[in-house]
N, C-alpha and C. Protein backbone atom coordinates (compact mmCIF):
# COMPACT_ATOMS: atom_id res chain seq x y z
N MET A 1 0.81 -1.21 0.00
CA MET A 1 0.00 0.00 0.00
C MET A 1 0.85 1.27 0.00
N TRP A 2 2.03 1.26 0.65
CA TRP A 2 2.87 2.45 0.74
C TRP A 2 4.14 2.27 -0.09
N LYS A 3 4.72 3.38 -0.51
CA LYS A 3 5.96 3.37 -1.28
C LYS A 3 7.09 2.72 -0.49
N LYS A 4 7.10 2.92 0.79
CA LYS A 4 8.14 2.39 1.69
C LYS A 4 7.48 1.59 2.80
N GLU A 5 8.24 0.72 3.41
CA GLU A 5 7.76 0.09 4.63
C GLU A 5 7.84 1.14 5.72
N LEU A 6 6.73 1.40 6.37
CA LEU A 6 6.65 2.49 7.34
C LEU A 6 6.69 1.96 8.77
N PRO A 7 7.12 2.84 9.69
CA PRO A 7 7.09 2.46 11.11
C PRO A 7 5.66 2.19 11.57
N LYS A 8 5.54 1.53 12.69
CA LYS A 8 4.24 1.24 13.28
C LYS A 8 3.47 2.55 13.50
N SER A 9 2.16 2.51 13.28
CA SER A 9 1.26 3.67 13.45
C SER A 9 1.61 4.81 12.51
N CYS A 10 2.12 4.50 11.38
CA CYS A 10 2.47 5.51 10.38
C CYS A 10 1.84 5.10 9.06
N PRO A 11 1.23 6.07 8.37
CA PRO A 11 1.02 7.46 8.73
C PRO A 11 0.03 7.60 9.88
N PRO A 12 -0.03 8.79 10.46
CA PRO A 12 -0.97 8.99 11.58
C PRO A 12 -2.41 8.77 11.12
N THR A 13 -3.25 8.37 12.04
CA THR A 13 -4.64 8.06 11.70
C THR A 13 -5.41 9.28 11.20
N HIS A 14 -4.97 10.48 11.54
CA HIS A 14 -5.67 11.68 11.08
C HIS A 14 -5.21 12.13 9.69
N ALA A 15 -4.21 11.49 9.10
CA ALA A 15 -3.78 11.82 7.74
C ALA A 15 -4.88 11.39 6.77
N ILE A 16 -5.15 12.25 5.78
CA ILE A 16 -6.28 12.01 4.88
C ILE A 16 -5.86 12.12 3.42
N GLU A 17 -6.66 11.51 2.56
CA GLU A 17 -6.53 11.73 1.13
C GLU A 17 -7.14 13.09 0.83
N LYS A 18 -6.50 13.81 -0.07
CA LYS A 18 -6.97 15.17 -0.35
C LYS A 18 -6.62 15.56 -1.77
N GLU A 19 -7.43 16.42 -2.37
CA GLU A 19 -7.12 17.01 -3.66
C GLU A 19 -6.81 18.47 -3.40
N VAL A 20 -5.56 18.86 -3.70
CA VAL A 20 -5.12 20.21 -3.37
C VAL A 20 -3.90 20.58 -4.22
N GLU A 21 -3.78 21.86 -4.51
CA GLU A 21 -2.59 22.37 -5.19
C GLU A 21 -1.51 22.63 -4.14
N LEU A 22 -0.30 22.13 -4.41
CA LEU A 22 0.80 22.23 -3.46
C LEU A 22 2.08 22.68 -4.15
N TYR A 23 3.06 23.08 -3.34
CA TYR A 23 4.34 23.58 -3.84
C TYR A 23 5.48 22.78 -3.23
N ARG A 24 6.46 22.44 -4.08
CA ARG A 24 7.61 21.64 -3.64
C ARG A 24 8.89 22.32 -4.10
N VAL A 25 9.87 22.39 -3.21
CA VAL A 25 11.18 22.94 -3.54
C VAL A 25 11.91 21.92 -4.41
N LEU A 26 12.50 22.41 -5.51
CA LEU A 26 13.21 21.56 -6.48
C LEU A 26 14.65 22.03 -6.63
N SER A 27 15.51 21.13 -7.06
CA SER A 27 16.93 21.46 -7.21
C SER A 27 17.25 22.10 -8.55
N SER A 28 16.32 22.07 -9.50
CA SER A 28 16.56 22.70 -10.81
C SER A 28 15.22 22.96 -11.49
N ASP A 29 15.28 23.46 -12.72
CA ASP A 29 14.04 23.73 -13.46
C ASP A 29 13.46 22.47 -14.09
N THR A 30 14.15 21.35 -13.93
CA THR A 30 13.65 20.06 -14.41
C THR A 30 13.63 19.09 -13.22
N PRO A 31 12.45 18.77 -12.71
CA PRO A 31 12.38 17.87 -11.55
C PRO A 31 12.98 16.49 -11.86
N THR A 32 13.65 15.94 -10.86
CA THR A 32 14.18 14.59 -10.97
C THR A 32 13.66 13.77 -9.79
N GLU A 33 13.85 12.46 -9.87
CA GLU A 33 13.42 11.61 -8.75
C GLU A 33 14.15 11.98 -7.46
N ALA A 34 15.35 12.51 -7.58
CA ALA A 34 16.10 12.94 -6.40
C ALA A 34 15.38 14.06 -5.65
N ASP A 35 14.56 14.83 -6.34
CA ASP A 35 13.79 15.90 -5.69
C ASP A 35 12.65 15.35 -4.85
N PHE A 36 12.39 14.05 -4.93
CA PHE A 36 11.27 13.43 -4.24
C PHE A 36 11.74 12.32 -3.30
N LYS A 37 12.86 12.56 -2.65
CA LYS A 37 13.37 11.61 -1.66
C LYS A 37 13.00 12.10 -0.27
N SER A 38 12.57 11.17 0.56
CA SER A 38 12.23 11.50 1.94
C SER A 38 13.53 11.56 2.76
N TYR A 39 13.42 12.05 3.98
CA TYR A 39 14.59 12.11 4.86
C TYR A 39 15.18 10.73 5.11
N CYS A 40 14.33 9.70 5.22
CA CYS A 40 14.88 8.36 5.46
C CYS A 40 15.67 7.88 4.25
N ASP A 41 15.33 8.34 3.04
CA ASP A 41 16.12 8.00 1.85
C ASP A 41 17.38 8.86 1.73
N LEU A 42 17.27 10.12 2.09
CA LEU A 42 18.41 11.03 2.00
C LEU A 42 19.49 10.71 3.03
N TYR A 43 19.05 10.25 4.20
CA TYR A 43 19.98 10.00 5.31
C TYR A 43 19.76 8.59 5.87
N PRO A 44 20.05 7.55 5.08
CA PRO A 44 19.75 6.18 5.50
C PRO A 44 20.53 5.70 6.72
N ASP A 45 21.65 6.35 7.02
CA ASP A 45 22.47 5.94 8.16
C ASP A 45 22.08 6.66 9.45
N ASN A 46 21.13 7.55 9.38
CA ASN A 46 20.70 8.29 10.57
C ASN A 46 19.68 7.44 11.33
N PRO A 47 20.06 6.90 12.48
CA PRO A 47 19.15 6.01 13.22
C PRO A 47 17.88 6.72 13.70
N ARG A 48 17.95 8.03 13.88
CA ARG A 48 16.78 8.79 14.34
C ARG A 48 15.62 8.68 13.35
N PHE A 49 15.93 8.58 12.06
CA PHE A 49 14.87 8.56 11.06
C PHE A 49 14.22 7.19 10.87
N LYS A 50 14.82 6.14 11.38
CA LYS A 50 14.30 4.79 11.17
C LYS A 50 12.87 4.63 11.71
N ASN A 51 12.57 5.25 12.84
CA ASN A 51 11.25 5.11 13.46
C ASN A 51 10.46 6.41 13.51
N LEU A 52 10.94 7.43 12.84
CA LEU A 52 10.26 8.72 12.81
C LEU A 52 9.32 8.77 11.60
N CYS A 53 8.05 8.74 11.86
CA CYS A 53 7.06 8.67 10.79
C CYS A 53 7.24 9.78 9.75
N LYS A 54 7.43 11.00 10.19
CA LYS A 54 7.56 12.12 9.24
C LYS A 54 8.78 12.00 8.34
N ALA A 55 9.77 11.22 8.74
CA ALA A 55 10.96 11.03 7.91
C ALA A 55 10.64 10.24 6.65
N TYR A 56 9.48 9.59 6.62
CA TYR A 56 9.05 8.81 5.46
C TYR A 56 8.12 9.60 4.54
N ALA A 57 7.77 10.80 4.93
CA ALA A 57 6.86 11.64 4.16
C ALA A 57 7.65 12.63 3.30
N LEU A 58 6.98 13.15 2.28
CA LEU A 58 7.54 14.23 1.48
C LEU A 58 6.91 15.54 1.95
N SER A 59 7.70 16.60 1.92
CA SER A 59 7.22 17.91 2.34
C SER A 59 6.75 18.74 1.15
N PHE A 60 5.58 19.31 1.29
CA PHE A 60 5.02 20.25 0.33
C PHE A 60 4.48 21.43 1.13
N TYR A 61 4.14 22.51 0.44
CA TYR A 61 3.63 23.71 1.10
C TYR A 61 2.35 24.18 0.42
N ASP A 62 1.52 24.86 1.19
CA ASP A 62 0.21 25.28 0.68
C ASP A 62 0.28 26.51 -0.22
N THR A 63 1.35 27.30 -0.11
CA THR A 63 1.50 28.48 -0.95
C THR A 63 2.96 28.62 -1.39
N LEU A 64 3.16 29.36 -2.44
CA LEU A 64 4.51 29.65 -2.91
C LEU A 64 5.27 30.41 -1.82
N ASP A 65 4.61 31.35 -1.18
CA ASP A 65 5.26 32.12 -0.11
C ASP A 65 5.72 31.23 1.04
N ASN A 66 4.91 30.24 1.43
CA ASN A 66 5.32 29.35 2.52
C ASN A 66 6.47 28.44 2.10
N ALA A 67 6.54 28.06 0.83
CA ALA A 67 7.68 27.28 0.35
C ALA A 67 8.95 28.14 0.40
N LEU A 68 8.85 29.39 -0.01
CA LEU A 68 10.01 30.29 0.06
C LEU A 68 10.42 30.56 1.50
N LEU A 69 9.46 30.72 2.38
CA LEU A 69 9.75 30.94 3.79
C LEU A 69 10.45 29.72 4.40
N ALA A 70 10.02 28.54 4.03
CA ALA A 70 10.67 27.31 4.52
C ALA A 70 12.13 27.27 4.09
N LEU A 71 12.42 27.71 2.89
CA LEU A 71 13.81 27.75 2.41
C LEU A 71 14.66 28.69 3.25
N THR A 72 14.12 29.82 3.62
CA THR A 72 14.90 30.79 4.41
C THR A 72 15.09 30.33 5.85
N ARG A 73 14.15 29.55 6.36
CA ARG A 73 14.22 29.08 7.75
C ARG A 73 15.06 27.81 7.93
N SER A 74 15.19 27.03 6.89
CA SER A 74 15.82 25.72 7.00
C SER A 74 17.33 25.77 6.77
N THR A 75 18.04 24.94 7.50
CA THR A 75 19.48 24.81 7.27
C THR A 75 19.79 23.66 6.32
N THR A 76 18.81 22.80 6.06
CA THR A 76 19.03 21.63 5.20
C THR A 76 18.31 21.71 3.86
N LEU A 77 17.22 22.45 3.79
CA LEU A 77 16.43 22.54 2.56
C LEU A 77 17.16 23.43 1.55
N LYS A 78 17.40 22.87 0.38
CA LYS A 78 18.10 23.61 -0.69
C LYS A 78 17.28 23.51 -1.95
N GLY A 79 17.36 24.52 -2.78
CA GLY A 79 16.65 24.48 -4.04
C GLY A 79 16.81 25.74 -4.83
N THR A 80 16.55 25.65 -6.13
CA THR A 80 16.64 26.80 -7.03
C THR A 80 15.30 27.12 -7.67
N HIS A 81 14.34 26.19 -7.54
CA HIS A 81 13.04 26.37 -8.16
C HIS A 81 11.95 25.79 -7.26
N ILE A 82 10.73 26.22 -7.52
CA ILE A 82 9.58 25.66 -6.81
C ILE A 82 8.57 25.19 -7.84
N GLY A 83 8.18 23.94 -7.71
CA GLY A 83 7.18 23.37 -8.60
C GLY A 83 5.81 23.40 -7.97
N THR A 84 4.82 23.67 -8.79
CA THR A 84 3.43 23.62 -8.37
C THR A 84 2.87 22.27 -8.82
N TYR A 85 2.27 21.56 -7.88
CA TYR A 85 1.76 20.22 -8.16
C TYR A 85 0.31 20.09 -7.73
N GLN A 86 -0.40 19.21 -8.41
CA GLN A 86 -1.77 18.89 -8.04
C GLN A 86 -1.78 17.53 -7.36
N LEU A 87 -1.99 17.52 -6.06
CA LEU A 87 -2.11 16.27 -5.32
C LEU A 87 -3.54 15.77 -5.47
N ASN A 88 -3.68 14.48 -5.73
CA ASN A 88 -5.04 13.93 -5.74
C ASN A 88 -5.10 12.72 -4.82
N LYS A 89 -6.29 12.22 -4.62
CA LYS A 89 -6.53 11.18 -3.63
C LYS A 89 -5.85 9.86 -3.95
N THR A 90 -5.39 9.67 -5.17
CA THR A 90 -4.72 8.42 -5.53
C THR A 90 -3.23 8.45 -5.22
N HIS A 91 -2.69 9.61 -4.83
CA HIS A 91 -1.26 9.74 -4.57
C HIS A 91 -0.85 9.27 -3.18
N GLY A 92 -1.69 9.48 -2.19
CA GLY A 92 -1.34 9.12 -0.83
C GLY A 92 -2.19 9.87 0.16
N VAL A 93 -1.71 9.94 1.40
CA VAL A 93 -2.42 10.67 2.44
C VAL A 93 -1.53 11.79 2.96
N CYS A 94 -2.18 12.80 3.53
CA CYS A 94 -1.41 13.97 3.97
C CYS A 94 -1.86 14.43 5.35
N GLU A 95 -0.94 15.15 5.96
CA GLU A 95 -1.17 15.82 7.24
C GLU A 95 -0.77 17.27 7.01
N PHE A 96 -1.59 18.20 7.48
CA PHE A 96 -1.34 19.62 7.26
C PHE A 96 -1.08 20.33 8.58
N LYS A 97 0.00 21.12 8.62
CA LYS A 97 0.32 21.98 9.77
C LYS A 97 0.09 23.42 9.35
N GLU A 98 -1.04 23.97 9.77
CA GLU A 98 -1.47 25.27 9.31
C GLU A 98 -0.48 26.39 9.63
N GLY A 99 0.13 26.37 10.79
CA GLY A 99 1.03 27.44 11.19
C GLY A 99 2.20 27.67 10.25
N HIS A 100 2.64 26.59 9.57
CA HIS A 100 3.75 26.70 8.64
C HIS A 100 3.32 26.47 7.19
N GLY A 101 2.06 26.15 7.00
CA GLY A 101 1.58 25.85 5.65
C GLY A 101 2.23 24.60 5.09
N HIS A 102 2.61 23.68 5.97
CA HIS A 102 3.39 22.49 5.58
C HIS A 102 2.52 21.25 5.50
N TYR A 103 2.65 20.54 4.39
CA TYR A 103 2.01 19.24 4.21
C TYR A 103 3.06 18.15 4.28
N SER A 104 2.79 17.11 5.04
CA SER A 104 3.56 15.87 5.01
C SER A 104 2.73 14.89 4.20
N ILE A 105 3.34 14.30 3.16
CA ILE A 105 2.63 13.39 2.26
C ILE A 105 3.29 12.02 2.32
N TRP A 106 2.50 10.99 2.65
CA TRP A 106 2.96 9.60 2.60
C TRP A 106 2.38 9.01 1.32
N LEU A 107 3.24 8.59 0.42
CA LEU A 107 2.82 8.16 -0.91
C LEU A 107 2.40 6.69 -0.95
N TYR A 108 1.36 6.44 -1.73
CA TYR A 108 0.94 5.07 -2.00
C TYR A 108 1.94 4.40 -2.93
N ASP A 109 1.96 3.08 -2.92
CA ASP A 109 2.93 2.35 -3.75
C ASP A 109 2.69 2.53 -5.25
N ASN A 110 1.49 2.94 -5.66
CA ASN A 110 1.23 3.15 -7.07
C ASN A 110 1.61 4.56 -7.56
N TRP A 111 2.09 5.42 -6.65
CA TRP A 111 2.53 6.75 -7.06
C TRP A 111 3.73 6.60 -7.98
N ASP A 112 3.71 7.35 -9.09
CA ASP A 112 4.76 7.25 -10.09
C ASP A 112 5.31 8.63 -10.40
N PHE A 113 6.60 8.82 -10.12
CA PHE A 113 7.26 10.09 -10.39
C PHE A 113 7.03 10.53 -11.83
N ASN A 114 7.10 9.62 -12.76
CA ASN A 114 6.97 9.95 -14.19
C ASN A 114 5.59 10.46 -14.58
N GLU A 115 4.62 10.26 -13.71
CA GLU A 115 3.27 10.74 -13.97
C GLU A 115 2.87 11.89 -13.04
N PHE A 116 3.81 12.37 -12.27
CA PHE A 116 3.54 13.45 -11.32
C PHE A 116 4.27 14.71 -11.81
N ASN A 117 3.64 15.37 -12.75
CA ASN A 117 4.28 16.51 -13.40
C ASN A 117 3.81 17.83 -12.80
N PRO A 118 4.73 18.78 -12.70
CA PRO A 118 4.34 20.09 -12.18
C PRO A 118 3.47 20.85 -13.19
N THR A 119 2.58 21.68 -12.67
CA THR A 119 1.79 22.54 -13.55
C THR A 119 2.59 23.79 -13.91
N THR A 120 3.46 24.21 -12.97
CA THR A 120 4.38 25.32 -13.25
C THR A 120 5.67 25.08 -12.45
N ILE A 121 6.73 25.73 -12.89
CA ILE A 121 7.99 25.74 -12.15
C ILE A 121 8.47 27.17 -12.12
N SER A 122 8.68 27.68 -10.90
CA SER A 122 9.11 29.07 -10.72
C SER A 122 10.54 29.12 -10.19
N PRO A 123 11.37 30.00 -10.79
CA PRO A 123 12.74 30.15 -10.27
C PRO A 123 12.71 30.90 -8.94
N ILE A 124 13.71 30.61 -8.12
CA ILE A 124 13.90 31.32 -6.85
C ILE A 124 15.02 32.32 -7.06
N ASN A 125 14.77 33.57 -6.71
CA ASN A 125 15.79 34.62 -6.82
C ASN A 125 16.42 34.70 -8.19
N GLY A 126 15.62 34.64 -9.23
CA GLY A 126 16.13 34.84 -10.59
C GLY A 126 16.90 33.68 -11.16
N ASN A 127 16.83 32.47 -10.56
CA ASN A 127 17.54 31.31 -11.13
C ASN A 127 16.95 30.90 -12.46
């Protein structure tokens, strides 16, 4: 059912399927599969992430401004562009944190990077 084997009680029971426009930080003007790696994939040797449910989710934002704000606040998030994506109920389930405009998305096993295309890609700071 899930792209990855998840820790127990993950995703949280309040995570829901949703249809919504979201924003994701990208490393270039052409998205690659590397732009869609979770923390557990990026840092496989970090034992903290093995049982941390959110480490298996992908981060998206509800607005372009919140994606840009996340870039300025984060010491690990890097990117040159922001892609606009349409999440639908067949992609997975999500949890939303309103204060930061942050979505955590746990992907279903049928989610396919090659079929998840951005509707727009915007450069950051003139990139």
